[in-house]
Amino acid sequence: MEHMAKNRERRSASSEMFSGQARTRGQGVNELVELIGLPAAIELIRAKGGTSFSVPLGITLRGQEQREKLVQIIGREQATKLIGRYGGTTLYIPTCRQAFVDTRDRNINLERDELAREGLSERALVSVLAVRHGLSDRQIWRILKKSGPVRPDMAACAAARSVSRSSARC
């Protein structure tokens, strides 16, 4: 009986945690990150994002197999935490696509700034970034345009001017 009551509590907590009605978007993911940590949450989202995931209790043979699959995805300690809190319930794991895209775009912009400081032209650095990130050069241009024009830092600009008296644009 006590076990069934705990499962009901878990179900109501999990549906509240991941429902759009009870929480703002992303808040459920934040709670997941708090529980199992960011690296494990990212791995769980990559493996199960966009699906309703039945968190196993690990009591039956099938549950033990599912638990081991979960351990392979996020690690034993994190799986134990997730099962301890949500075992026997179903969680919707969002894709977090926009968060992954925003992170990728920020990284592309940081790499762009670094390549610009190294002296690469815009066309050359776009080519490098396209290959690195498996995107087309047109997509890289769109990402860079969203963030505004390249502004190399003033130290790099001064160094470029002192090396070459040509017109370095800063």
N, C-alpha and C. Protein backbone atom coordinates (compact mmCIF):
# COMPACT_ATOMS: atom_id res chain seq x y z
N MET A 1 0.81 -1.19 0.00
CA MET A 1 0.00 0.00 0.00
C MET A 1 0.86 1.26 0.00
N GLU A 2 1.85 1.25 0.88
CA GLU A 2 2.71 2.43 0.99
C GLU A 2 3.42 2.69 -0.34
N HIS A 3 3.86 1.60 -0.99
CA HIS A 3 4.54 1.71 -2.28
C HIS A 3 3.62 2.36 -3.32
N MET A 4 2.33 2.00 -3.33
CA MET A 4 1.37 2.56 -4.28
C MET A 4 1.15 4.04 -4.01
N ALA A 5 1.10 4.42 -2.75
CA ALA A 5 0.92 5.83 -2.40
C ALA A 5 2.11 6.65 -2.86
N LYS A 6 3.32 6.10 -2.69
CA LYS A 6 4.52 6.81 -3.15
C LYS A 6 4.50 6.98 -4.66
N ASN A 7 4.05 5.95 -5.39
CA ASN A 7 3.96 6.04 -6.84
C ASN A 7 2.98 7.12 -7.27
N ARG A 8 1.83 7.23 -6.56
CA ARG A 8 0.86 8.28 -6.88
C ARG A 8 1.48 9.65 -6.67
N GLU A 9 2.20 9.81 -5.56
CA GLU A 9 2.88 11.09 -5.29
C GLU A 9 3.89 11.39 -6.39
N ARG A 10 4.67 10.40 -6.79
CA ARG A 10 5.66 10.58 -7.84
C ARG A 10 5.00 10.97 -9.15
N ARG A 11 3.89 10.28 -9.49
CA ARG A 11 3.20 10.57 -10.74
C ARG A 11 2.71 12.00 -10.77
N SER A 12 2.13 12.45 -9.67
CA SER A 12 1.62 13.81 -9.65
C SER A 12 2.77 14.79 -9.70
N ALA A 13 3.86 14.50 -9.03
CA ALA A 13 5.03 15.39 -9.07
C ALA A 13 5.63 15.42 -10.47
N SER A 14 5.72 14.26 -11.12
CA SER A 14 6.34 14.24 -12.45
C SER A 14 5.46 14.90 -13.48
N SER A 15 4.15 14.70 -13.41
CA SER A 15 3.30 15.35 -14.40
C SER A 15 3.34 16.85 -14.19
N GLU A 16 3.42 17.29 -12.95
CA GLU A 16 3.53 18.72 -12.68
C GLU A 16 4.88 19.25 -13.15
N MET A 17 5.93 18.45 -12.92
CA MET A 17 7.27 18.88 -13.29
C MET A 17 7.39 19.14 -14.78
N PHE A 18 6.77 18.30 -15.61
CA PHE A 18 6.97 18.41 -17.04
C PHE A 18 5.74 18.88 -17.80
N SER A 19 4.70 19.33 -17.12
CA SER A 19 3.53 19.81 -17.87
C SER A 19 3.69 21.30 -18.14
N GLY A 20 3.23 21.71 -19.28
CA GLY A 20 3.31 23.11 -19.66
C GLY A 20 2.36 23.97 -18.83
N GLN A 21 1.32 23.35 -18.24
CA GLN A 21 0.34 24.12 -17.50
C GLN A 21 0.89 24.56 -16.15
N ALA A 22 1.56 23.67 -15.47
CA ALA A 22 1.99 23.95 -14.10
C ALA A 22 3.30 24.71 -14.03
N ARG A 23 4.11 24.61 -15.07
CA ARG A 23 5.44 25.21 -15.04
C ARG A 23 5.69 26.02 -16.30
N THR A 24 6.57 26.98 -16.19
CA THR A 24 6.98 27.69 -17.39
C THR A 24 7.90 26.79 -18.18
N ARG A 25 8.00 27.07 -19.45
CA ARG A 25 8.83 26.24 -20.33
C ARG A 25 10.27 26.24 -19.83
N GLY A 26 10.85 25.07 -19.74
CA GLY A 26 12.25 24.96 -19.31
C GLY A 26 12.42 24.74 -17.83
N GLN A 27 11.40 25.04 -17.04
CA GLN A 27 11.53 24.88 -15.59
C GLN A 27 11.66 23.40 -15.22
N GLY A 28 10.92 22.52 -15.91
CA GLY A 28 11.04 21.09 -15.66
C GLY A 28 12.43 20.59 -15.97
N VAL A 29 13.01 21.11 -17.05
CA VAL A 29 14.38 20.75 -17.41
C VAL A 29 15.34 21.23 -16.34
N ASN A 30 15.10 22.43 -15.81
CA ASN A 30 15.96 22.94 -14.74
C ASN A 30 15.92 22.03 -13.52
N GLU A 31 14.73 21.52 -13.20
CA GLU A 31 14.61 20.59 -12.07
C GLU A 31 15.35 19.28 -12.36
N LEU A 32 15.27 18.83 -13.60
CA LEU A 32 15.99 17.62 -14.01
C LEU A 32 17.50 17.84 -13.86
N VAL A 33 17.97 19.01 -14.29
CA VAL A 33 19.39 19.35 -14.17
C VAL A 33 19.81 19.39 -12.71
N GLU A 34 18.96 19.97 -11.86
CA GLU A 34 19.26 20.00 -10.42
C GLU A 34 19.38 18.59 -9.84
N LEU A 35 18.52 17.70 -10.31
CA LEU A 35 18.48 16.35 -9.76
C LEU A 35 19.66 15.50 -10.23
N ILE A 36 19.94 15.49 -11.54
CA ILE A 36 20.96 14.57 -12.07
C ILE A 36 22.19 15.27 -12.64
N GLY A 37 22.19 16.59 -12.68
CA GLY A 37 23.33 17.33 -13.20
C GLY A 37 23.19 17.62 -14.69
N LEU A 38 23.87 18.66 -15.14
CA LEU A 38 23.76 19.09 -16.53
C LEU A 38 24.26 18.06 -17.53
N PRO A 39 25.45 17.46 -17.35
CA PRO A 39 25.91 16.48 -18.34
C PRO A 39 24.94 15.31 -18.52
N ALA A 40 24.42 14.79 -17.41
CA ALA A 40 23.48 13.66 -17.50
C ALA A 40 22.16 14.10 -18.13
N ALA A 41 21.70 15.30 -17.79
CA ALA A 41 20.45 15.81 -18.38
C ALA A 41 20.59 15.95 -19.89
N ILE A 42 21.73 16.46 -20.34
CA ILE A 42 21.97 16.61 -21.78
C ILE A 42 21.97 15.24 -22.45
N GLU A 43 22.62 14.27 -21.85
CA GLU A 43 22.65 12.92 -22.44
C GLU A 43 21.25 12.30 -22.49
N LEU A 44 20.47 12.51 -21.43
CA LEU A 44 19.10 11.98 -21.41
C LEU A 44 18.26 12.66 -22.50
N ILE A 45 18.41 13.96 -22.66
CA ILE A 45 17.67 14.69 -23.69
C ILE A 45 18.09 14.23 -25.07
N ARG A 46 19.39 14.04 -25.28
CA ARG A 46 19.85 13.55 -26.59
C ARG A 46 19.30 12.16 -26.90
N ALA A 47 19.24 11.31 -25.89
CA ALA A 47 18.80 9.93 -26.10
C ALA A 47 17.28 9.79 -26.15
N LYS A 48 16.57 10.56 -25.34
CA LYS A 48 15.12 10.36 -25.18
C LYS A 48 14.30 11.61 -25.47
N GLY A 49 14.93 12.69 -25.92
CA GLY A 49 14.22 13.95 -26.16
C GLY A 49 13.06 13.79 -27.13
N GLY A 50 11.95 14.42 -26.79
CA GLY A 50 10.77 14.37 -27.64
C GLY A 50 9.90 13.15 -27.39
N THR A 51 10.21 12.40 -26.35
CA THR A 51 9.43 11.19 -26.07
C THR A 51 8.93 11.19 -24.62
N SER A 52 7.91 10.39 -24.40
CA SER A 52 7.46 10.13 -23.04
C SER A 52 8.27 8.93 -22.57
N PHE A 53 9.01 9.13 -21.50
CA PHE A 53 9.97 8.14 -21.02
C PHE A 53 9.45 7.52 -19.73
N SER A 54 9.25 6.22 -19.74
CA SER A 54 8.83 5.49 -18.54
C SER A 54 10.06 5.23 -17.68
N VAL A 55 10.09 5.87 -16.53
CA VAL A 55 11.23 5.69 -15.62
C VAL A 55 11.03 4.36 -14.89
N PRO A 56 11.94 3.41 -15.09
CA PRO A 56 11.75 2.08 -14.52
C PRO A 56 11.99 2.07 -13.01
N LEU A 57 11.31 1.16 -12.34
CA LEU A 57 11.59 0.92 -10.93
C LEU A 57 12.71 -0.10 -10.78
N GLY A 58 12.84 -0.98 -11.77
CA GLY A 58 13.88 -2.00 -11.73
C GLY A 58 13.49 -3.21 -10.91
N ILE A 59 12.19 -3.41 -10.69
CA ILE A 59 11.72 -4.54 -9.89
C ILE A 59 11.61 -5.80 -10.75
N THR A 60 10.98 -5.68 -11.91
CA THR A 60 10.81 -6.84 -12.79
C THR A 60 12.05 -7.02 -13.66
N LEU A 61 12.11 -8.12 -14.37
CA LEU A 61 13.23 -8.37 -15.28
C LEU A 61 13.29 -7.28 -16.35
N ARG A 62 12.13 -6.94 -16.91
CA ARG A 62 12.08 -5.87 -17.93
C ARG A 62 12.51 -4.53 -17.33
N GLY A 63 12.05 -4.25 -16.11
CA GLY A 63 12.43 -3.02 -15.43
C GLY A 63 13.92 -2.95 -15.17
N GLN A 64 14.53 -4.09 -14.84
CA GLN A 64 15.97 -4.14 -14.62
C GLN A 64 16.73 -3.87 -15.92
N GLU A 65 16.21 -4.42 -17.03
CA GLU A 65 16.83 -4.16 -18.33
C GLU A 65 16.74 -2.68 -18.69
N GLN A 66 15.57 -2.08 -18.45
CA GLN A 66 15.39 -0.65 -18.73
C GLN A 66 16.28 0.20 -17.83
N ARG A 67 16.43 -0.23 -16.59
CA ARG A 67 17.31 0.49 -15.66
C ARG A 67 18.75 0.47 -16.18
N GLU A 68 19.20 -0.68 -16.66
CA GLU A 68 20.56 -0.78 -17.19
C GLU A 68 20.75 0.09 -18.43
N LYS A 69 19.73 0.18 -19.26
CA LYS A 69 19.80 1.08 -20.42
C LYS A 69 19.92 2.53 -19.96
N LEU A 70 19.16 2.88 -18.92
CA LEU A 70 19.24 4.23 -18.37
C LEU A 70 20.62 4.49 -17.78
N VAL A 71 21.17 3.51 -17.09
CA VAL A 71 22.53 3.63 -16.53
C VAL A 71 23.54 3.87 -17.65
N GLN A 72 23.39 3.19 -18.77
CA GLN A 72 24.30 3.39 -19.90
C GLN A 72 24.20 4.80 -20.45
N ILE A 73 23.02 5.40 -20.38
CA ILE A 73 22.82 6.75 -20.91
C ILE A 73 23.36 7.81 -19.97
N ILE A 74 23.01 7.73 -18.67
CA ILE A 74 23.33 8.84 -17.76
C ILE A 74 24.25 8.46 -16.60
N GLY A 75 24.60 7.20 -16.46
CA GLY A 75 25.47 6.80 -15.36
C GLY A 75 24.67 6.25 -14.18
N ARG A 76 25.31 5.40 -13.40
CA ARG A 76 24.63 4.70 -12.31
C ARG A 76 24.12 5.66 -11.23
N GLU A 77 24.94 6.57 -10.79
CA GLU A 77 24.54 7.48 -9.70
C GLU A 77 23.35 8.34 -10.11
N GLN A 78 23.41 8.89 -11.33
CA GLN A 78 22.33 9.75 -11.80
C GLN A 78 21.06 8.94 -12.04
N ALA A 79 21.20 7.72 -12.56
CA ALA A 79 20.03 6.86 -12.78
C ALA A 79 19.36 6.53 -11.45
N THR A 80 20.16 6.27 -10.43
CA THR A 80 19.61 5.97 -9.11
C THR A 80 18.82 7.16 -8.58
N LYS A 81 19.34 8.37 -8.77
CA LYS A 81 18.63 9.57 -8.33
C LYS A 81 17.31 9.74 -9.09
N LEU A 82 17.36 9.57 -10.40
CA LEU A 82 16.17 9.74 -11.22
C LEU A 82 15.11 8.69 -10.86
N ILE A 83 15.53 7.45 -10.69
CA ILE A 83 14.61 6.38 -10.32
C ILE A 83 14.05 6.59 -8.91
N GLY A 84 14.90 7.05 -8.01
CA GLY A 84 14.45 7.31 -6.64
C GLY A 84 13.34 8.34 -6.59
N ARG A 85 13.40 9.31 -7.47
CA ARG A 85 12.40 10.38 -7.46
C ARG A 85 11.21 10.09 -8.37
N TYR A 86 11.47 9.52 -9.55
CA TYR A 86 10.41 9.37 -10.55
C TYR A 86 10.17 7.94 -11.01
N GLY A 87 10.77 6.95 -10.34
CA GLY A 87 10.58 5.56 -10.74
C GLY A 87 9.12 5.17 -10.76
N GLY A 88 8.72 4.46 -11.81
CA GLY A 88 7.33 4.03 -11.94
C GLY A 88 6.42 5.06 -12.58
N THR A 89 6.99 6.19 -12.99
CA THR A 89 6.19 7.23 -13.65
C THR A 89 6.68 7.44 -15.07
N THR A 90 5.93 8.21 -15.81
CA THR A 90 6.32 8.55 -17.18
C THR A 90 6.60 10.04 -17.23
N LEU A 91 7.78 10.39 -17.72
CA LEU A 91 8.17 11.79 -17.87
C LEU A 91 8.25 12.13 -19.35
N TYR A 92 7.77 13.29 -19.71
CA TYR A 92 7.99 13.77 -21.07
C TYR A 92 9.35 14.46 -21.07
N ILE A 93 10.24 14.00 -21.93
CA ILE A 93 11.57 14.60 -22.04
C ILE A 93 11.54 15.52 -23.26
N PRO A 94 11.64 16.83 -23.06
CA PRO A 94 11.59 17.75 -24.20
C PRO A 94 12.85 17.64 -25.05
N THR A 95 12.77 18.10 -26.29
CA THR A 95 13.94 18.04 -27.17
C THR A 95 14.94 19.14 -26.85
N CYS A 96 14.48 20.24 -26.32
CA CYS A 96 15.33 21.40 -26.02
C CYS A 96 16.09 21.86 -27.26
N ARG A 97 15.49 21.67 -28.41
CA ARG A 97 16.14 22.00 -29.67
C ARG A 97 16.65 23.44 -29.71
N GLN A 98 15.82 24.38 -29.29
CA GLN A 98 16.23 25.78 -29.36
C GLN A 98 17.43 26.05 -28.46
N ALA A 99 17.48 25.43 -27.30
CA ALA A 99 18.62 25.62 -26.40
C ALA A 99 19.90 25.09 -27.04
N PHE A 100 19.81 23.92 -27.71
CA PHE A 100 20.98 23.37 -28.38
C PHE A 100 21.42 24.26 -29.55
N VAL A 101 20.45 24.79 -30.30
CA VAL A 101 20.76 25.67 -31.43
C VAL A 101 21.39 26.97 -30.92
N ASP A 102 20.83 27.54 -29.86
CA ASP A 102 21.38 28.78 -29.29
C ASP A 102 22.82 28.57 -28.81
N THR A 103 23.07 27.44 -28.16
CA THR A 103 24.43 27.14 -27.69
C THR A 103 25.38 26.98 -28.86
N ARG A 104 24.94 26.25 -29.89
CA ARG A 104 25.77 26.08 -31.09
C ARG A 104 26.08 27.43 -31.72
N ASP A 105 25.08 28.30 -31.84
CA ASP A 105 25.28 29.61 -32.45
C ASP A 105 26.23 30.47 -31.64
N ARG A 106 26.10 30.43 -30.31
CA ARG A 106 27.04 31.18 -29.46
C ARG A 106 28.46 30.68 -29.65
N ASN A 107 28.63 29.35 -29.72
CA ASN A 107 29.96 28.78 -29.93
C ASN A 107 30.52 29.18 -31.29
N ILE A 108 29.68 29.19 -32.31
CA ILE A 108 30.12 29.61 -33.65
C ILE A 108 30.58 31.05 -33.61
N ASN A 109 29.86 31.92 -32.91
CA ASN A 109 30.26 33.32 -32.81
C ASN A 109 31.56 33.49 -32.04
N LEU A 110 31.73 32.72 -30.98
CA LEU A 110 32.99 32.79 -30.23
C LEU A 110 34.17 32.33 -31.09
N GLU A 111 33.96 31.24 -31.83
CA GLU A 111 35.01 30.74 -32.72
C GLU A 111 35.29 31.73 -33.83
N ARG A 112 34.25 32.37 -34.34
CA ARG A 112 34.42 33.39 -35.37
C ARG A 112 35.31 34.52 -34.87
N ASP A 113 35.04 35.00 -33.66
CA ASP A 113 35.85 36.07 -33.08
C ASP A 113 37.31 35.65 -32.94
N GLU A 114 37.51 34.41 -32.50
CA GLU A 114 38.87 33.88 -32.34
C GLU A 114 39.59 33.81 -33.69
N LEU A 115 38.90 33.30 -34.71
CA LEU A 115 39.50 33.20 -36.05
C LEU A 115 39.77 34.58 -36.64
N ALA A 116 38.90 35.54 -36.36
CA ALA A 116 39.11 36.91 -36.85
C ALA A 116 40.35 37.51 -36.19
N ARG A 117 40.54 37.25 -34.90
CA ARG A 117 41.73 37.76 -34.21
C ARG A 117 43.00 37.14 -34.78
N GLU A 118 42.88 35.89 -35.28
CA GLU A 118 44.03 35.23 -35.90
C GLU A 118 44.32 35.77 -37.29
N GLY A 119 43.44 36.63 -37.80
CA GLY A 119 43.68 37.27 -39.08
C GLY A 119 42.98 36.65 -40.27
N LEU A 120 42.10 35.69 -40.07
CA LEU A 120 41.38 35.09 -41.20
C LEU A 120 40.35 36.07 -41.74
N SER A 121 40.19 36.06 -43.05
CA SER A 121 39.15 36.88 -43.66
C SER A 121 37.79 36.29 -43.31
N GLU A 122 36.74 37.09 -43.53
CA GLU A 122 35.39 36.60 -43.25
C GLU A 122 35.08 35.35 -44.07
N ARG A 123 35.41 35.38 -45.34
CA ARG A 123 35.11 34.21 -46.19
C ARG A 123 35.87 32.98 -45.72
N ALA A 124 37.13 33.15 -45.36
CA ALA A 124 37.93 32.01 -44.91
C ALA A 124 37.39 31.44 -43.60
N LEU A 125 37.05 32.32 -42.67
CA LEU A 125 36.57 31.81 -41.38
C LEU A 125 35.19 31.17 -41.51
N VAL A 126 34.36 31.68 -42.42
CA VAL A 126 33.06 31.05 -42.65
C VAL A 126 33.26 29.63 -43.18
N SER A 127 34.22 29.47 -44.06
CA SER A 127 34.53 28.14 -44.60
C SER A 127 34.98 27.19 -43.50
N VAL A 128 35.87 27.67 -42.65
CA VAL A 128 36.38 26.86 -41.54
C VAL A 128 35.23 26.46 -40.61
N LEU A 129 34.38 27.43 -40.27
CA LEU A 129 33.27 27.16 -39.36
C LEU A 129 32.25 26.19 -39.96
N ALA A 130 32.00 26.32 -41.26
CA ALA A 130 31.04 25.42 -41.92
C ALA A 130 31.52 23.97 -41.82
N VAL A 131 32.80 23.76 -42.08
CA VAL A 131 33.35 22.40 -42.01
C VAL A 131 33.34 21.89 -40.56
N ARG A 132 33.77 22.73 -39.62
CA ARG A 132 33.82 22.33 -38.21
C ARG A 132 32.46 21.90 -37.68
N HIS A 133 31.43 22.62 -38.07
CA HIS A 133 30.10 22.40 -37.49
C HIS A 133 29.16 21.60 -38.39
N GLY A 134 29.65 21.18 -39.54
CA GLY A 134 28.82 20.38 -40.44
C GLY A 134 27.62 21.14 -40.99
N LEU A 135 27.80 22.44 -41.20
CA LEU A 135 26.74 23.28 -41.73
C LEU A 135 27.17 23.87 -43.06
N SER A 136 26.23 24.39 -43.81
CA SER A 136 26.58 25.06 -45.07
C SER A 136 27.15 26.44 -44.76
N ASP A 137 27.91 26.98 -45.71
CA ASP A 137 28.44 28.33 -45.49
C ASP A 137 27.30 29.34 -45.41
N ARG A 138 26.21 29.11 -46.13
CA ARG A 138 25.06 30.02 -46.06
C ARG A 138 24.46 30.04 -44.65
N GLN A 139 24.37 28.87 -44.04
CA GLN A 139 23.84 28.81 -42.68
C GLN A 139 24.77 29.53 -41.70
N ILE A 140 26.07 29.37 -41.88
CA ILE A 140 27.03 30.09 -41.02
C ILE A 140 26.85 31.59 -41.20
N TRP A 141 26.71 32.07 -42.44
CA TRP A 141 26.49 33.50 -42.69
C TRP A 141 25.24 33.97 -41.95
N ARG A 142 24.15 33.19 -42.00
CA ARG A 142 22.90 33.58 -41.30
C ARG A 142 23.13 33.69 -39.79
N ILE A 143 23.85 32.72 -39.25
CA ILE A 143 24.13 32.73 -37.81
C ILE A 143 24.96 33.96 -37.44
N LEU A 144 25.96 34.26 -38.23
CA LEU A 144 26.83 35.41 -37.95
C LEU A 144 26.08 36.72 -38.10
N LYS A 145 25.18 36.80 -39.08
CA LYS A 145 24.42 38.04 -39.29
C LYS A 145 23.47 38.30 -38.13
N LYS A 146 22.94 37.23 -37.52
CA LYS A 146 22.04 37.40 -36.37
C LYS A 146 22.75 38.10 -35.22
N SER A 147 24.04 37.87 -35.09
CA SER A 147 24.77 38.43 -33.95
C SER A 147 25.41 39.77 -34.25
N GLY A 148 25.36 40.23 -35.48
CA GLY A 148 25.94 41.52 -35.81
C GLY A 148 27.32 41.39 -36.44
N PRO A 149 27.90 42.53 -36.81
CA PRO A 149 29.18 42.51 -37.51
C PRO A 149 30.34 42.10 -36.61
N VAL A 150 31.38 41.62 -37.25
CA VAL A 150 32.60 41.22 -36.54
C VAL A 150 33.30 42.48 -36.05
N ARG A 151 33.68 42.50 -34.78
CA ARG A 151 34.44 43.61 -34.22
C ARG A 151 35.64 43.02 -33.52
N PRO A 152 36.78 42.89 -34.24
CA PRO A 152 37.96 42.36 -33.54
C PRO A 152 38.31 43.28 -32.37
N ASP A 153 38.87 42.71 -31.32
CA ASP A 153 39.19 43.56 -30.18
C ASP A 153 40.27 44.57 -30.55
N MET A 154 40.37 45.62 -29.78
CA MET A 154 41.26 46.74 -30.12
C MET A 154 42.73 46.32 -30.10
N ALA A 155 43.10 45.38 -29.25
CA ALA A 155 44.50 44.92 -29.21
C ALA A 155 44.86 44.24 -30.52
N ALA A 156 43.96 43.42 -31.03
CA ALA A 156 44.22 42.74 -32.30
C ALA A 156 44.28 43.76 -33.43
N CYS A 157 43.44 44.76 -33.36
CA CYS A 157 43.42 45.80 -34.38
C CYS A 157 44.73 46.59 -34.35
N ALA A 158 45.18 46.95 -33.17
CA ALA A 158 46.43 47.70 -33.04
C ALA A 158 47.61 46.86 -33.53
N ALA A 159 47.60 45.57 -33.21
CA ALA A 159 48.68 44.69 -33.67
C ALA A 159 48.68 44.59 -35.19
N ALA A 160 47.52 44.51 -35.78
CA ALA A 160 47.42 44.43 -37.24
C ALA A 160 47.95 45.71 -37.88
N ARG A 161 47.65 46.84 -37.30
CA ARG A 161 48.12 48.12 -37.85
C ARG A 161 49.63 48.26 -37.72
N SER A 162 50.18 47.80 -36.59
CA SER A 162 51.62 47.95 -36.40
C SER A 162 52.41 47.02 -37.31
N VAL A 163 51.86 45.83 -37.61
CA VAL A 163 52.55 44.89 -38.49
C VAL A 163 52.48 45.37 -39.93
N SER A 164 51.35 45.83 -40.33
CA SER A 164 51.17 46.27 -41.70
C SER A 164 50.52 47.64 -41.70
N ARG A 165 51.12 48.57 -42.40
CA ARG A 165 50.57 49.92 -42.45
C ARG A 165 49.42 50.02 -43.44
N SER A 166 49.02 48.87 -43.98
CA SER A 166 47.88 48.89 -44.89
C SER A 166 46.62 49.20 -44.10
N SER A 167 45.54 49.35 -44.77
CA SER A 167 44.31 49.76 -44.10
C SER A 167 43.67 48.57 -43.38
N ALA A 168 43.98 48.43 -42.12
CA ALA A 168 43.32 47.42 -41.29
C ALA A 168 42.02 48.03 -40.79
N ARG A 169 40.91 47.34 -41.03
CA ARG A 169 39.61 47.88 -40.61
C ARG A 169 39.25 47.36 -39.23
N CYS A 170 39.02 48.29 -38.32
CA CYS A 170 38.60 47.91 -36.97
C CYS A 170 37.46 48.78 -36.54
